Amino acid sequence: MTGKFFIGAAALALGAAVPGASVQGWLNTVVETDGGHRMGDPDADVQLIEFVSYTCPHCASFEKASEGILKLGYIHEGRIGVEIKHLIRDKADLVAALTTRCGPPEKFFGNHTAMMIAQDQWFAKGRAASPAQRTRWGSGTRAQQYQAMASDLGFYDLMATRGYDATELDACLADTVEADAIRDRSTRDADAYGITGTPSFVVNGATLEGVHSWPTLNARLYELAYD
């Protein structure tokens, strides 16, 4: 891997323009897929699937490390299409997934990044939750449980910074049909690709063994997209 790419990628991560490319490139091409969301050129030679969990600290670390370079160094220029799929581990993970998927598909990636970047903050709220709060998370209807957890973890405040009001998020968290579909698709996709942990990655249909961090994945992507 050449130093030229890392110099260019670092500049991109800091917000430098891509010579000869439009301001947004392929970053505005976002669609909802069967079980996930994809950003980028659907016909790019390299198609990456990220399996992530919102309650996985390694997934948050991956998002923080990869977000700038992956979007601006790969997706922007049409070299890679990236799809994010959920691997649901627990109720908090499901509530977070319902939250990030709220609204039109084009808002998902921003919601996803915001949720991952704020993970430390909402983890802290979860650890500090009172017995009464934890009781609310398992009492009443499923919609009430999800809304209570989202409120106590700070998801309503987080999504307000993304332009959502409480009524809009209430409706998304009350969608138990979507909640069941997210769980079902998570199980189906994990079985189909042999995914047992997060983050895990699939490139052009093949699950990458032993690749669970941005530096290792970046090396693979660079070989495929630039060599």
Protein backbone atom coordinates (compact mmCIF):
# COMPACT_ATOMS: atom_id res chain seq x y z
CA MET A 1 0.00 0.00 0.00
CA THR A 2 1.46 3.34 -0.98
CA GLY A 3 1.99 6.36 1.23
CA LYS A 4 0.29 8.48 -1.43
CA PHE A 5 -3.08 6.95 -0.57
CA PHE A 6 -2.71 7.62 3.14
CA ILE A 7 -1.71 11.23 2.52
CA GLY A 8 -4.72 11.69 0.25
CA ALA A 9 -7.05 9.88 2.62
CA ALA A 10 -5.92 11.97 5.56
CA ALA A 11 -6.64 15.11 3.56
CA LEU A 12 -10.05 13.77 2.65
CA ALA A 13 -10.84 12.96 6.25
CA LEU A 14 -10.05 16.56 7.10
CA GLY A 15 -12.50 17.78 4.49
CA ALA A 16 -10.33 18.42 1.43
CA ALA A 17 -12.06 18.28 -1.94
CA VAL A 18 -11.61 15.34 -4.27
CA PRO A 19 -10.02 16.62 -7.51
CA GLY A 20 -12.29 16.19 -10.49
CA ALA A 21 -15.24 14.95 -8.41
CA SER A 22 -18.51 16.61 -7.53
CA VAL A 23 -18.94 17.82 -3.97
CA GLN A 24 -21.07 14.83 -2.95
CA GLY A 25 -20.13 12.23 -5.55
CA TRP A 26 -21.88 8.97 -4.68
CA LEU A 27 -22.53 9.93 -1.05
CA ASN A 28 -26.08 11.02 -1.84
CA THR A 29 -26.97 7.66 -3.41
CA VAL A 30 -28.59 5.85 -0.47
CA VAL A 31 -31.23 3.13 -0.71
CA GLU A 32 -32.89 0.80 1.74
CA THR A 33 -32.09 -2.84 1.01
CA ASP A 34 -33.54 -6.10 2.27
CA GLY A 35 -32.27 -5.82 5.82
CA GLY A 36 -29.99 -2.82 5.57
CA HIS A 37 -29.06 0.44 3.87
CA ARG A 38 -26.55 0.91 1.05
CA MET A 39 -24.58 4.02 0.14
CA GLY A 40 -22.65 4.44 -3.09
CA ASP A 41 -22.54 3.12 -6.62
CA PRO A 42 -24.57 -0.11 -6.81
CA ASP A 43 -22.46 -1.13 -9.81
CA ALA A 44 -19.06 -0.50 -8.21
CA ASP A 45 -16.61 -3.38 -8.59
CA VAL A 46 -16.33 -3.67 -4.80
CA GLN A 47 -19.44 -4.15 -2.68
CA LEU A 48 -18.93 -4.17 1.09
CA ILE A 49 -21.43 -5.29 3.73
CA GLU A 50 -20.78 -4.22 7.33
CA PHE A 51 -22.47 -6.27 10.06
CA VAL A 52 -22.66 -4.08 13.15
CA SER A 53 -24.30 -3.95 16.55
CA TYR A 54 -25.01 -0.69 18.36
CA THR A 55 -24.11 -2.26 21.72
CA CYS A 56 -20.71 -3.41 20.41
CA PRO A 57 -17.84 -1.11 21.52
CA HIS A 58 -15.61 -2.43 18.72
CA CYS A 59 -18.26 -1.35 16.20
CA ALA A 60 -18.21 2.19 17.59
CA SER A 61 -14.42 2.21 17.36
CA PHE A 62 -14.62 1.00 13.77
CA GLU A 63 -17.10 3.73 12.85
CA LYS A 64 -14.96 6.47 14.38
CA ALA A 65 -11.81 5.21 12.65
CA SER A 66 -13.31 4.51 9.23
CA GLU A 67 -16.08 7.06 8.67
CA GLY A 68 -14.14 9.86 6.96
CA ILE A 69 -11.82 7.80 4.78
CA LEU A 70 -14.38 5.15 3.86
CA LYS A 71 -16.87 7.75 2.66
CA LEU A 72 -14.53 10.21 0.99
CA GLY A 73 -11.72 7.93 -0.12
CA TYR A 74 -13.84 5.06 -1.42
CA ILE A 75 -17.60 5.68 -1.66
CA HIS A 76 -17.44 9.27 -2.90
CA GLU A 77 -15.50 8.32 -6.02
CA GLY A 78 -17.65 5.31 -6.85
CA ARG A 79 -15.00 2.75 -6.02
CA ILE A 80 -17.07 0.95 -3.38
CA GLY A 81 -20.71 0.50 -2.44
CA VAL A 82 -21.25 0.01 1.30
CA GLU A 83 -24.24 -1.66 2.95
CA ILE A 84 -24.83 -1.66 6.70
CA LYS A 85 -26.74 -4.58 8.22
CA HIS A 86 -27.70 -5.08 11.85
CA LEU A 87 -26.71 -7.96 14.08
CA ILE A 88 -29.14 -7.57 16.98
CA ARG A 89 -27.73 -8.67 20.34
CA ASP A 90 -30.19 -7.35 22.92
CA LYS A 91 -33.13 -5.00 23.52
CA ALA A 92 -30.97 -1.85 23.65
CA ASP A 93 -29.45 -2.81 20.31
CA LEU A 94 -32.93 -3.24 18.82
CA VAL A 95 -34.14 0.10 20.19
CA ALA A 96 -31.05 1.79 18.76
CA ALA A 97 -31.70 0.16 15.37
CA LEU A 98 -35.32 1.33 15.37
CA THR A 99 -34.02 4.81 16.18
CA THR A 100 -31.41 5.02 13.42
CA ARG A 101 -33.80 3.59 10.83
CA CYS A 102 -36.44 6.21 11.64
CA GLY A 103 -37.27 8.48 8.72
CA PRO A 104 -36.34 8.30 5.02
CA PRO A 105 -33.43 6.10 3.87
CA GLU A 106 -31.19 9.06 3.08
CA LYS A 107 -31.05 9.96 6.79
CA PHE A 108 -29.90 6.54 7.92
CA PHE A 109 -26.13 6.90 7.55
CA GLY A 110 -26.07 10.17 9.46
CA ASN A 111 -28.25 8.64 12.16
CA HIS A 112 -26.01 5.58 12.30
CA THR A 113 -22.83 7.62 12.71
CA ALA A 114 -24.42 9.82 15.38
CA MET A 115 -25.54 6.76 17.35
CA MET A 116 -22.09 5.16 17.18
CA ILE A 117 -20.20 8.33 18.08
CA ALA A 118 -22.48 8.85 21.10
CA GLN A 119 -22.19 5.24 22.28
CA ASP A 120 -20.03 6.07 25.31
CA GLN A 121 -22.60 8.63 26.48
CA TRP A 122 -25.63 6.37 26.23
CA PHE A 123 -23.74 3.42 27.66
CA ALA A 124 -23.03 5.59 30.71
CA LYS A 125 -26.72 6.46 31.02
CA GLY A 126 -27.56 2.76 30.85
CA ARG A 127 -25.06 1.86 33.58
CA ALA A 128 -26.41 4.65 35.78
CA ALA A 129 -30.07 3.74 35.25
CA SER A 130 -32.13 3.43 38.41
CA PRO A 131 -34.11 0.32 39.35
CA ALA A 132 -37.29 2.23 38.45
CA GLN A 133 -35.95 3.01 35.00
CA ARG A 134 -34.92 -0.59 34.40
CA THR A 135 -38.38 -1.71 35.48
CA ARG A 136 -39.92 0.62 32.86
CA TRP A 137 -37.82 -1.05 30.18
CA GLY A 138 -39.66 -4.32 30.80
CA SER A 139 -43.14 -3.09 31.71
CA GLY A 140 -46.18 -2.16 29.65
CA THR A 141 -46.51 -2.68 25.93
CA ARG A 142 -43.46 -3.28 23.78
CA ALA A 143 -43.85 0.23 22.35
CA GLN A 144 -43.84 1.69 25.86
CA GLN A 145 -40.77 -0.34 26.78
CA TYR A 146 -38.86 0.81 23.69
CA GLN A 147 -39.87 4.45 24.19
CA ALA A 148 -38.91 4.35 27.87
CA MET A 149 -35.50 2.89 27.11
CA ALA A 150 -34.88 5.37 24.29
CA SER A 151 -35.81 8.25 26.58
CA ASP A 152 -33.62 7.08 29.47
CA LEU A 153 -30.63 6.43 27.19
CA GLY A 154 -30.91 9.88 25.61
CA PHE A 155 -31.98 8.83 22.12
CA TYR A 156 -34.67 11.50 21.91
CA ASP A 157 -32.12 14.23 22.62
CA LEU A 158 -29.66 12.66 20.18
CA MET A 159 -32.22 12.51 17.40
CA ALA A 160 -33.35 16.08 18.07
CA THR A 161 -29.90 17.13 16.85
CA ARG A 162 -30.70 15.19 13.66
CA GLY A 163 -33.95 17.12 13.10
CA TYR A 164 -36.43 14.67 14.65
CA ASP A 165 -39.20 15.60 17.06
CA ALA A 166 -40.54 13.37 19.84
CA THR A 167 -43.73 12.49 17.97
CA GLU A 168 -41.80 11.21 14.96
CA LEU A 169 -39.48 9.07 17.08
CA ASP A 170 -42.40 7.82 19.19
CA ALA A 171 -44.02 6.43 16.05
CA CYS A 172 -40.85 4.67 14.91
CA LEU A 173 -40.28 3.10 18.33
CA ALA A 174 -43.91 1.92 18.45
CA ASP A 175 -43.52 0.01 15.17
CA THR A 176 -43.32 -3.51 16.58
CA VAL A 177 -43.82 -5.01 13.12
CA GLU A 178 -40.60 -3.31 12.03
CA ALA A 179 -38.91 -4.40 15.26
CA ASP A 180 -39.77 -8.05 14.54
CA ALA A 181 -38.61 -7.67 10.94
CA ILE A 182 -35.26 -6.24 12.07
CA ARG A 183 -34.72 -9.20 14.41
CA ASP A 184 -35.76 -11.73 11.76
CA ARG A 185 -33.52 -10.21 9.09
CA SER A 186 -30.63 -10.05 11.55
CA THR A 187 -30.91 -13.79 12.26
CA ARG A 188 -31.40 -14.64 8.58
CA ASP A 189 -28.45 -12.61 7.33
CA ALA A 190 -26.11 -13.77 10.09
CA ASP A 191 -26.92 -17.38 9.23
CA ALA A 192 -26.55 -16.77 5.49
CA TYR A 193 -23.07 -15.25 5.82
CA GLY A 194 -21.84 -17.19 8.85
CA ILE A 195 -21.58 -14.08 11.02
CA THR A 196 -20.99 -14.76 14.72
CA GLY A 197 -19.65 -11.41 15.97
CA THR A 198 -19.36 -7.73 15.17
CA PRO A 199 -18.03 -5.88 13.39
CA SER A 200 -17.79 -8.40 10.55
CA PHE A 201 -17.45 -7.76 6.84
CA VAL A 202 -18.51 -9.32 3.56
CA VAL A 203 -16.82 -8.25 0.32
CA ASN A 204 -18.39 -9.23 -2.98
CA GLY A 205 -20.38 -11.96 -1.28
CA ALA A 206 -17.49 -13.51 0.66
CA THR A 207 -17.22 -13.19 4.44
CA LEU A 208 -13.76 -11.97 5.46
CA GLU A 209 -12.27 -14.28 8.05
CA GLY A 210 -10.27 -12.64 10.82
CA VAL A 211 -11.09 -9.09 9.70
CA HIS A 212 -12.74 -7.08 12.46
CA SER A 213 -10.99 -3.69 12.50
CA TRP A 214 -10.58 -0.72 10.17
CA PRO A 215 -6.81 -1.04 9.55
CA THR A 216 -7.18 -4.67 8.47
CA LEU A 217 -10.27 -3.99 6.37
CA ASN A 218 -8.72 -0.89 4.82
CA ALA A 219 -5.76 -2.93 3.58
CA ARG A 220 -8.14 -5.35 1.83
CA LEU A 221 -10.28 -2.57 0.35
CA TYR A 222 -7.29 -0.66 -0.97
CA GLU A 223 -5.99 -3.71 -2.80
CA LEU A 224 -9.37 -4.25 -4.46
CA ALA A 225 -10.31 -0.63 -5.17
CA TYR A 226 -7.00 0.99 -6.07
CA ASP A 227 -4.47 -1.64 -7.17
